[in-house]
């Protein structure tokens, strides 16, 4: 029986490898002789603004008056851009029209977040540049935008880890957080259970999920498994009904610990691997959206968690570390990765360079931590939809550079001075690495702004900050 199962695994791996090679050859032929396709992955951790980013990017690529830093646009080579049916029949379509309506209505509001993988195809007719421009007509380039939760990407780290190792780390974290108290109590009750029932296993998994939800809402980022927060089509599946338990010296073969270990391995095999096989392995370019200001506002521990999360995400783009991913990608690598700090409109423009410098320092540390090499990486500060205006306010006889917008909580206009970010990123990263509880010499404020009513002229997309530069980095060379 075991030999038969092993044979099935080997055959399955070989078949999957052949399929990947055929797809890679097909993509190459299509790109050379027909209409090239660029698959752009968009992901981000909680509250980073993925839905707004995709909606504004597509709107601004279709109406390009604000995209002056996109070279193909500034050179006048983009003839038109339009939406087409997506090529993957089994993937939900990104609901662009509904999201755009939410942002551009007379009473604008932030659109609902997407909770699973979705996709949208934007096609662009481009005139060739240089000498070729006089000898050939416009060509069509397809941009397939793939939206997926960043929490799912962090699950890649589970593929290399045993259940016992993962459990020890997760339980140590939970014991240090107030959100974990109820879950730790449930774990203590479940120690060394042999004669367990399915309701007991489900109750323990629900306690763990409740802890993860509370930890996410408190701003923590080191949360696995990601599908516990965003189960998508897997909601209610037995593969999502497990939780960490303290290692046992001699766990009983039919005890609860062994069952949780079995379900953990099933999660990796049946949930994590299919996601990377079906979606992640086909991405050419990637943008990772980061709520860096939210982490800074949360304090040094949140910044350290962000640094570790960025390292974990970069690890997903380093297939040599993981045998499964190496077989899956067949040498293919994501070509460019952009880490973008969102909500730059919460700062006066005089501080944008400092926010970018902090992101660059976090990326540099993450790259070193992941021993990463391969794709071209960059950091940037952006606002996919600008919700504020800048103004100078007087406070205690001082003039402060502030931003003004409509508060999400009350709908009233308010001015915000968030505090000066340090010119030296080490002023933030050093306390974060050393485990400081708070910033010693500063307090960084943040407010939640609602989108402002828009008055767009013909040919204009929604107002933004550096969305055109982000597009140039990600896809400019393919236009």
Protein backbone atom coordinates (compact mmCIF):
# COMPACT_ATOMS: atom_id res chain seq x y z
CA UNK A 1 0.00 0.00 0.00
CA UNK A 2 2.78 2.38 0.92
CA UNK A 3 4.69 1.58 -2.28
CA UNK A 4 1.59 2.30 -4.33
CA UNK A 5 1.07 5.64 -2.61
CA UNK A 6 4.74 6.55 -3.20
CA UNK A 7 4.38 5.66 -6.86
CA UNK A 8 1.33 7.88 -7.17
CA UNK A 9 3.22 10.79 -5.61
CA UNK A 10 6.18 10.33 -7.99
CA UNK A 11 3.88 10.07 -11.03
CA UNK A 12 1.93 13.12 -9.86
CA UNK A 13 5.13 15.13 -9.42
CA UNK A 14 6.42 14.13 -12.87
CA UNK A 15 3.10 14.93 -14.52
CA UNK A 16 2.97 18.29 -12.81
CA UNK A 17 6.53 19.00 -13.93
CA UNK A 18 5.71 18.15 -17.55
CA UNK A 19 2.63 20.38 -17.39
CA UNK A 20 4.67 23.28 -16.05
CA UNK A 21 7.26 22.88 -18.82
CA UNK A 22 4.56 22.82 -21.50
CA UNK A 23 2.94 25.94 -20.01
CA UNK A 24 6.30 27.71 -19.86
CA UNK A 25 7.01 26.89 -23.51
CA UNK A 26 3.52 28.02 -24.48
CA UNK A 27 3.91 31.31 -22.63
CA UNK A 28 7.24 31.92 -24.33
CA UNK A 29 5.87 31.23 -27.82
CA UNK A 30 2.84 33.43 -27.13
CA UNK A 31 5.05 36.28 -25.96
CA UNK A 32 7.35 36.10 -29.00
CA UNK A 33 4.86 35.59 -31.82
CA UNK A 34 1.45 36.67 -30.63
CA UNK A 35 0.31 39.01 -27.86
CA UNK A 36 2.58 39.12 -24.81
CA UNK A 37 1.02 38.59 -21.38
CA UNK A 38 2.35 40.03 -18.13
CA UNK A 39 0.92 38.46 -14.97
CA UNK A 40 1.06 41.04 -12.17
CA UNK A 41 0.53 39.69 -8.66
CA UNK A 42 -0.92 42.12 -6.11
CA UNK A 43 -0.84 41.21 -2.45
CA UNK A 44 -0.59 42.88 0.92
CA UNK A 45 -1.13 42.33 4.59
CA UNK A 46 -4.26 43.46 6.45
CA UNK A 47 -5.47 47.00 5.74
CA UNK A 48 -2.76 47.69 3.16
CA UNK A 49 -5.29 48.68 0.46
CA UNK A 50 -5.10 46.00 -2.25
CA UNK A 51 -8.58 46.57 -3.61
CA UNK A 52 -8.09 50.33 -3.87
CA UNK A 53 -4.66 49.85 -5.47
CA UNK A 54 -5.96 47.58 -8.23
CA UNK A 55 -9.05 49.71 -8.87
CA UNK A 56 -7.08 52.96 -9.12
CA UNK A 57 -4.28 51.37 -11.17
CA UNK A 58 -6.73 50.05 -13.77
CA UNK A 59 -8.70 53.32 -13.84
CA UNK A 60 -5.51 55.32 -14.34
CA UNK A 61 -4.21 53.00 -17.06
CA UNK A 62 -7.48 53.42 -18.93
CA UNK A 63 -7.61 57.23 -18.41
CA UNK A 64 -3.95 58.20 -18.26
CA UNK A 65 -3.79 61.98 -17.77
CA UNK A 66 -2.25 61.50 -14.31
CA UNK A 67 0.28 58.82 -15.41
CA UNK A 68 3.08 61.13 -16.57
CA UNK A 69 5.87 58.97 -15.09
CA UNK A 70 4.80 55.97 -17.16
CA UNK A 71 7.25 56.30 -20.05
CA UNK A 72 5.03 54.72 -22.72
CA UNK A 73 2.35 57.28 -21.83
CA UNK A 74 4.70 60.28 -21.74
CA UNK A 75 6.04 59.25 -25.16
CA UNK A 76 2.50 59.01 -26.54
CA UNK A 77 2.81 55.33 -27.48
CA UNK A 78 -0.27 54.02 -25.63
CA UNK A 79 -3.13 54.03 -28.14
CA UNK A 80 -5.83 52.68 -25.84
CA UNK A 81 -6.47 50.42 -22.87
CA UNK A 82 -9.57 48.33 -22.25
CA UNK A 83 -10.84 45.43 -20.14
CA UNK A 84 -11.31 41.95 -21.58
CA UNK A 85 -12.66 38.67 -20.23
CA UNK A 86 -10.08 37.06 -18.00
CA UNK A 87 -8.36 33.93 -19.34
CA UNK A 88 -8.89 31.71 -16.26
CA UNK A 89 -12.46 30.42 -16.19
CA UNK A 90 -12.14 28.96 -12.69
CA UNK A 91 -10.90 32.16 -10.96
CA UNK A 92 -13.39 34.82 -9.82
CA UNK A 93 -13.20 38.13 -11.68
CA UNK A 94 -12.00 41.16 -9.72
CA UNK A 95 -15.14 43.29 -9.38
CA UNK A 96 -13.60 46.43 -10.82
CA UNK A 97 -16.81 48.24 -11.73
CA UNK A 98 -18.37 47.88 -8.27
CA UNK A 99 -15.16 48.98 -6.53
CA UNK A 100 -14.74 51.99 -8.83
CA UNK A 101 -18.35 53.00 -8.20
CA UNK A 102 -17.70 52.96 -4.45
CA UNK A 103 -14.76 55.36 -4.86
CA UNK A 104 -16.38 57.73 -7.36
CA UNK A 105 -19.97 57.94 -6.08
CA UNK A 106 -21.35 61.27 -4.75
CA UNK A 107 -20.88 59.82 -1.25
CA UNK A 108 -17.64 57.86 -1.78
CA UNK A 109 -16.64 55.02 0.51
CA UNK A 110 -13.86 52.46 0.64
CA UNK A 111 -14.81 49.27 -1.23
CA UNK A 112 -15.11 45.91 0.47
CA UNK A 113 -11.91 43.88 0.65
CA UNK A 114 -11.57 40.80 -1.52
CA UNK A 115 -11.26 37.61 0.50
CA UNK A 116 -9.95 35.14 -2.06
CA UNK A 117 -8.01 35.01 -5.32
CA UNK A 118 -9.46 37.13 -8.13
CA UNK A 119 -8.22 38.25 -11.52
CA UNK A 120 -8.70 40.98 -14.12
CA UNK A 121 -7.29 41.35 -17.66
CA UNK A 122 -6.42 44.82 -18.95
CA UNK A 123 -5.31 44.94 -22.58
CA UNK A 124 -3.26 47.84 -23.97
CA UNK A 125 -2.50 48.74 -27.59
CA UNK A 126 1.06 50.07 -27.75
CA UNK A 127 2.95 51.68 -30.62
CA UNK A 128 6.53 50.37 -30.83
CA UNK A 129 9.25 52.85 -29.94
CA UNK A 130 12.52 53.62 -31.70
CA UNK A 131 13.20 52.51 -35.26
CA UNK A 132 10.48 49.85 -35.17
CA UNK A 133 7.82 52.51 -34.72
CA UNK A 134 7.89 53.47 -38.39
CA UNK A 135 7.65 49.91 -39.72
CA UNK A 136 4.95 48.22 -37.63
CA UNK A 137 1.57 49.05 -36.22
CA UNK A 138 0.41 48.93 -32.61
CA UNK A 139 0.72 45.65 -30.73
CA UNK A 140 -1.45 44.40 -27.88
CA UNK A 141 -0.03 43.69 -24.42
CA UNK A 142 -2.22 41.93 -21.88
CA UNK A 143 -1.82 42.74 -18.18
CA UNK A 144 -3.38 39.97 -16.07
CA UNK A 145 -3.73 41.33 -12.54
CA UNK A 146 -3.95 38.58 -9.90
CA UNK A 147 -5.22 39.68 -6.49
CA UNK A 148 -4.54 37.37 -3.55
CA UNK A 149 -4.31 37.76 0.25
CA UNK A 150 -0.85 38.34 1.68
CA UNK A 151 -1.74 36.08 4.60
CA UNK A 152 -1.77 33.17 2.14
CA UNK A 153 1.72 34.05 0.94
CA UNK A 154 3.11 33.78 4.48
CA UNK A 155 1.92 30.18 4.56
CA UNK A 156 4.85 29.23 2.33
CA UNK A 157 7.01 29.12 5.47
CA UNK A 158 4.91 26.17 6.70
CA UNK A 159 6.10 23.90 3.87
CA UNK A 160 9.56 23.56 5.43
CA UNK A 161 8.37 23.16 9.01
CA UNK A 162 7.22 20.30 11.19
CA UNK A 163 4.08 20.56 13.27
CA UNK A 164 6.04 20.45 16.56
CA UNK A 165 8.37 23.30 15.51
CA UNK A 166 5.50 25.46 14.32
CA UNK A 167 3.49 24.79 17.48
CA UNK A 168 6.31 25.83 19.82
CA UNK A 169 6.78 29.16 18.04
CA UNK A 170 3.07 29.98 17.81
CA UNK A 171 2.38 29.11 21.45
CA UNK A 172 5.30 31.23 22.64
CA UNK A 173 3.88 34.21 20.75
CA UNK A 174 0.35 33.63 22.05
CA UNK A 175 1.54 33.54 25.68
CA UNK A 176 3.02 37.03 25.33
CA UNK A 177 -0.14 38.62 23.92
CA UNK A 178 -3.34 39.47 25.78
CA UNK A 179 -5.35 38.25 22.79
CA UNK A 180 -3.99 34.73 23.36
CA UNK A 181 -5.15 34.17 26.96
CA UNK A 182 -8.36 32.26 26.16
CA UNK A 183 -6.65 30.13 23.54
CA UNK A 184 -3.76 29.20 25.86
CA UNK A 185 -6.33 28.15 28.47
CA UNK A 186 -7.99 25.90 25.87
CA UNK A 187 -4.59 24.40 24.99
CA UNK A 188 -3.87 23.55 28.61
CA UNK A 189 -7.17 21.69 28.84
CA UNK A 190 -6.35 19.75 25.66
CA UNK A 191 -2.92 18.49 26.79
CA UNK A 192 -2.34 14.72 26.48
CA UNK A 193 -5.90 13.95 25.35
CA UNK A 194 -6.16 10.43 23.91
CA UNK A 195 -9.89 9.80 23.68
CA UNK A 196 -10.83 12.96 21.80
CA UNK A 197 -13.99 13.78 19.86
CA UNK A 198 -14.51 15.87 16.75
CA UNK A 199 -16.36 18.60 18.70
CA UNK A 200 -13.28 18.92 20.95
CA UNK A 201 -10.98 19.31 17.93
CA UNK A 202 -13.33 21.82 16.35
CA UNK A 203 -13.62 23.86 19.56
CA UNK A 204 -9.83 24.04 19.89
CA UNK A 205 -9.49 25.14 16.25
CA UNK A 206 -12.17 27.79 16.76
CA UNK A 207 -10.35 29.09 19.85
CA UNK A 208 -7.18 29.34 17.81
CA UNK A 209 -8.94 31.12 14.96
CA UNK A 210 -10.51 33.60 17.42
CA UNK A 211 -7.04 34.35 18.75
CA UNK A 212 -5.68 34.92 15.23
CA UNK A 213 -8.54 37.29 14.38
CA UNK A 214 -7.96 39.28 17.59
CA UNK A 215 -4.20 39.37 16.97
CA UNK A 216 -4.73 40.62 13.42
CA UNK A 217 -7.16 43.29 14.62
CA UNK A 218 -4.51 44.38 17.14
CA UNK A 219 -2.06 44.90 14.27
CA UNK A 220 0.02 41.72 14.49
CA UNK A 221 1.32 40.37 11.19
CA UNK A 222 3.04 37.07 12.00
CA UNK A 223 -0.12 34.99 11.65
CA UNK A 224 -0.32 31.46 10.25
CA UNK A 225 -2.14 29.65 8.78
CA UNK A 226 -3.39 32.48 6.59
CA UNK A 227 -6.50 30.59 5.51
CA UNK A 228 -7.80 30.66 9.08
CA UNK A 229 -8.37 34.39 8.58
CA UNK A 230 -9.38 34.30 4.92
CA UNK A 231 -10.60 30.76 4.22
CA UNK A 232 -12.14 31.57 0.84
CA UNK A 233 -13.70 28.45 -0.67
CA UNK A 234 -12.10 26.31 2.07
CA UNK A 235 -14.31 27.62 4.88
CA UNK A 236 -15.58 24.77 7.04
CA UNK A 237 -13.13 22.27 5.56
CA UNK A 238 -11.55 19.67 7.92
CA UNK A 239 -8.18 20.84 6.60
CA UNK A 240 -8.77 24.10 8.52
CA UNK A 241 -9.69 22.35 11.78
CA UNK A 242 -6.41 22.14 13.67
CA UNK A 243 -4.42 24.13 16.23
CA UNK A 244 -0.93 24.11 17.78
CA UNK A 245 -0.34 21.89 20.81
CA UNK A 246 2.77 21.60 23.01
CA UNK A 247 5.10 18.79 21.87
CA UNK A 248 4.65 15.47 23.66
CA UNK A 249 7.53 13.08 24.41
CA UNK A 250 5.63 10.02 23.22
CA UNK A 251 2.36 11.11 21.61
CA UNK A 252 -0.24 8.36 21.42
CA UNK A 253 -0.84 7.09 17.90
CA UNK A 254 -4.56 7.92 18.08
CA UNK A 255 -4.28 10.88 20.44
CA UNK A 256 -5.26 14.49 19.74
CA UNK A 257 -1.67 15.61 19.19
CA UNK A 258 -1.18 13.09 16.37
CA UNK A 259 -4.49 14.10 14.82
CA UNK A 260 -3.55 17.78 14.87
CA UNK A 261 -0.20 16.92 13.31
CA UNK A 262 -1.98 14.96 10.57
CA UNK A 263 -4.32 17.86 9.79
CA UNK A 264 -1.41 20.32 9.76
CA UNK A 265 0.31 18.19 7.10
CA UNK A 266 -2.96 17.91 5.17
CA UNK A 267 -3.25 21.70 5.20
CA UNK A 268 0.17 22.00 3.60
CA UNK A 269 -0.57 19.33 0.99
CA UNK A 270 -4.13 20.24 0.07
CA UNK A 271 -4.30 24.00 0.64
CA UNK A 272 -0.85 25.62 0.54
CA UNK A 273 0.71 23.65 -2.31
CA UNK A 274 -2.28 23.97 -4.70
CA UNK A 275 -2.31 27.75 -4.20
CA UNK A 276 1.34 28.05 -5.16
CA UNK A 277 0.92 25.60 -8.03
CA UNK A 278 -2.20 27.16 -9.55
CA UNK A 279 -1.59 30.88 -8.96
CA UNK A 280 1.74 31.90 -7.51
CA UNK A 281 3.94 29.92 -9.92
CA UNK A 282 2.60 31.88 -12.92
CA UNK A 283 3.31 35.41 -11.67
CA UNK A 284 5.87 37.54 -13.58
CA UNK A 285 5.81 40.76 -11.55
CA UNK A 286 4.73 41.32 -7.96
CA UNK A 287 3.71 44.28 -5.80
CA UNK A 288 3.49 43.84 -2.02
CA UNK A 289 1.49 46.60 -0.32
CA UNK A 290 2.56 47.48 3.22
CA UNK A 291 0.84 49.63 5.86
CA UNK A 292 4.17 50.89 7.21
CA UNK A 293 2.60 53.93 8.86
CA UNK A 294 0.22 51.69 10.78
CA UNK A 295 3.15 49.59 12.01
CA UNK A 296 5.11 52.69 13.07
CA UNK A 297 2.07 54.00 14.91
CA UNK A 298 1.76 50.60 16.65
CA UNK A 299 5.27 50.80 18.10
CA UNK A 300 8.63 49.00 17.83
CA UNK A 301 7.23 45.48 18.14
CA UNK A 302 4.88 46.03 15.19
CA UNK A 303 7.77 47.37 13.09
CA UNK A 304 9.81 44.26 13.93
CA UNK A 305 6.88 42.04 12.95
CA UNK A 306 6.65 43.95 9.67
CA UNK A 307 10.36 43.39 9.04
CA UNK A 308 9.98 39.66 9.68
CA UNK A 309 6.86 39.49 7.49
CA UNK A 310 8.70 41.16 4.62
CA UNK A 311 11.52 38.63 5.00
CA UNK A 312 8.99 35.80 4.93
CA UNK A 313 7.38 37.19 1.80
CA UNK A 314 10.76 37.53 0.09
CA UNK A 315 11.46 33.92 1.03
CA UNK A 316 8.49 32.92 -1.12
CA UNK A 317 10.35 34.33 -4.14
CA UNK A 318 13.49 32.31 -3.38
CA UNK A 319 12.56 28.87 -4.69
CA UNK A 320 15.99 27.29 -4.08
CA UNK A 321 15.15 27.02 -0.38
CA UNK A 322 12.12 24.81 -0.91
CA UNK A 323 12.19 21.57 -2.88
CA UNK A 324 8.47 21.71 -3.70
CA UNK A 325 8.71 25.26 -5.02
CA UNK A 326 11.87 24.48 -7.01
CA UNK A 327 10.09 21.64 -8.83
CA UNK A 328 7.04 23.81 -9.35
CA UNK A 329 8.74 26.86 -10.87
CA UNK A 330 11.22 24.92 -13.04
CA UNK A 331 13.78 27.72 -12.83
CA UNK A 332 11.25 30.50 -13.48
CA UNK A 333 11.58 33.52 -11.21
CA UNK A 334 9.46 36.55 -10.55
CA UNK A 335 11.31 39.30 -12.40
CA UNK A 336 10.44 42.34 -10.27
CA UNK A 337 9.06 42.84 -6.76
CA UNK A 338 7.89 46.21 -5.48
CA UNK A 339 7.32 46.78 -1.75
CA UNK A 340 5.07 49.83 -1.59
CA UNK A 341 4.28 51.73 1.61
CA UNK A 342 0.65 52.79 1.17
CA UNK A 343 -1.24 55.78 2.60
CA UNK A 344 1.50 58.29 1.74
CA UNK A 345 -1.32 60.86 1.58
CA UNK A 346 -1.44 60.65 5.40
CA UNK A 347 1.87 62.54 5.38
CA UNK A 348 2.86 65.95 4.02
CA UNK A 349 4.97 65.52 0.88
CA UNK A 350 8.02 66.81 2.75
CA UNK A 351 8.06 63.52 4.69
CA UNK A 352 7.57 61.13 1.78
CA UNK A 353 11.32 60.71 1.24
CA UNK A 354 11.69 59.65 4.88
CA UNK A 355 8.91 57.08 4.57
CA UNK A 356 10.57 55.71 1.43
CA UNK A 357 13.93 55.54 3.22
CA UNK A 358 12.32 53.55 6.06
CA UNK A 359 10.81 51.14 3.52
CA UNK A 360 14.16 50.77 1.77
CA UNK A 361 15.84 49.99 5.09
CA UNK A 362 13.16 47.42 5.95
CA UNK A 363 13.55 45.84 2.52
CA UNK A 364 17.34 45.74 2.85
CA UNK A 365 17.06 44.00 6.22
CA UNK A 366 14.42 41.62 4.89
CA UNK A 367 16.57 40.80 1.86
CA UNK A 368 19.54 40.00 4.09
CA UNK A 369 17.38 38.00 6.50
CA UNK A 370 15.98 35.91 3.66
CA UNK A 371 19.40 35.55 1.98
CA UNK A 372 17.47 36.64 -1.09
CA UNK A 373 18.78 36.89 -4.63
CA UNK A 374 17.08 36.82 -7.99
CA UNK A 375 14.37 39.33 -8.77
CA UNK A 376 14.89 43.07 -9.00
CA UNK A 377 13.42 44.64 -5.86
CA UNK A 378 12.47 48.21 -5.00
CA UNK A 379 10.73 50.16 -2.24
CA UNK A 380 8.42 53.13 -2.71
CA UNK A 381 5.84 55.22 -0.86
CA UNK A 382 2.53 55.68 -2.66
CA UNK A 383 -1.15 56.49 -2.28
CA UNK A 384 -3.28 54.66 -4.83
CA UNK A 385 -6.11 57.11 -4.11
CA UNK A 386 -5.33 60.47 -2.58
CA UNK A 387 -7.85 61.22 0.19
CA UNK A 388 -6.26 64.37 1.70
CA UNK A 389 -4.99 67.83 0.85
CA UNK A 390 -1.96 69.49 2.38
CA UNK A 391 -2.04 72.56 4.57
CA UNK A 392 0.04 74.36 7.18
CA UNK A 393 -1.42 74.64 10.68
CA UNK A 394 -0.30 76.69 13.67
CA UNK A 395 0.25 74.95 17.01
CA UNK A 396 1.82 76.56 20.09
CA UNK A 397 3.35 79.26 17.93
CA UNK A 398 4.82 76.74 15.47
CA UNK A 399 3.88 76.15 11.84
CA UNK A 400 3.34 72.47 11.12
CA UNK A 401 3.02 70.73 7.74
CA UNK A 402 -0.23 68.76 7.99
CA UNK A 403 -2.82 66.99 5.86
CA UNK A 404 -6.58 67.50 5.95
CA UNK A 405 -9.29 65.01 5.05
CA UNK A 406 -12.70 63.60 5.93
CA UNK A 407 -12.55 61.37 9.00
CA UNK A 408 -13.82 57.86 8.43
CA UNK A 409 -15.35 57.72 11.92
CA UNK A 410 -17.39 60.93 11.86
CA UNK A 411 -17.37 62.23 8.28
CA UNK A 412 -16.08 65.58 9.55
CA UNK A 413 -13.06 67.41 8.16
CA UNK A 414 -9.92 67.28 10.33
CA UNK A 415 -6.26 68.22 10.02
CA UNK A 416 -3.56 65.73 11.01
CA UNK A 417 0.05 66.32 11.92
CA UNK A 418 1.38 62.78 12.40
CA UNK A 419 4.78 63.78 13.79
CA UNK A 420 8.11 63.95 11.99
CA UNK A 421 9.47 60.63 10.79
CA UNK A 422 13.20 60.30 11.58
CA UNK A 423 15.66 61.12 8.82
CA UNK A 424 17.71 58.07 9.87
CA UNK A 425 15.68 54.84 9.59
CA UNK A 426 17.89 53.28 12.29
CA UNK A 427 16.03 55.44 14.81
CA UNK A 428 13.08 53.10 14.21
CA UNK A 429 14.72 49.83 13.23
CA UNK A 430 17.16 49.63 16.16
CA UNK A 431 14.49 49.86 18.90
CA UNK A 432 12.41 47.39 16.87
CA UNK A 433 15.22 44.82 16.69
CA UNK A 434 16.10 45.20 20.39
CA UNK A 435 12.54 44.64 21.59
CA UNK A 436 11.73 48.12 22.90
CA UNK A 437 8.19 48.61 24.17
CA UNK A 438 7.71 52.14 22.81
CA UNK A 439 9.42 54.94 20.93
CA UNK A 440 11.52 56.94 23.38
CA UNK A 441 11.64 60.32 21.67
CA UNK A 442 8.55 60.56 19.45
CA UNK A 443 4.89 59.73 19.07
CA UNK A 444 3.54 58.95 15.62
CA UNK A 445 -0.16 59.59 15.09
CA UNK A 446 -2.44 58.24 12.41
CA UNK A 447 -6.05 58.81 11.42
CA UNK A 448 -8.40 56.86 9.19
CA UNK A 449 -9.62 59.08 6.34
CA UNK A 450 -12.59 58.43 4.07
CA UNK A 451 -12.20 58.97 0.32
CA UNK A 452 -12.90 62.50 -0.85
CA UNK A 453 -15.56 63.29 -3.48
CA UNK A 454 -13.93 63.28 -6.93
CA UNK A 455 -14.40 65.74 -9.78
CA UNK A 456 -12.60 64.08 -12.66
CA UNK A 457 -12.03 65.72 -16.02
CA UNK A 458 -12.31 63.65 -19.22
CA UNK A 459 -9.25 61.43 -19.54
CA UNK A 460 -8.36 61.62 -15.84
CA UNK A 461 -8.14 58.69 -13.47
CA UNK A 462 -8.45 59.08 -9.69
CA UNK A 463 -5.81 61.28 -7.97
CA UNK A 464 -2.86 59.36 -6.57
CA UNK A 465 0.71 59.67 -5.32
CA UNK A 466 3.40 57.88 -7.38
CA UNK A 467 1.08 55.25 -8.81
CA UNK A 468 2.56 56.08 -12.22
CA UNK A 469 6.10 55.44 -10.92
CA UNK A 470 4.97 52.14 -9.44
CA UNK A 471 3.45 51.13 -12.79
CA UNK A 472 6.64 52.10 -14.62
CA UNK A 473 8.74 49.89 -12.35
CA UNK A 474 6.36 46.95 -12.57
CA UNK A 475 5.36 46.88 -16.25
CA UNK A 476 7.02 49.83 -18.00
CA UNK A 477 9.70 47.72 -19.71
CA UNK A 478 7.01 45.46 -21.19
CA UNK A 479 5.22 48.40 -22.82
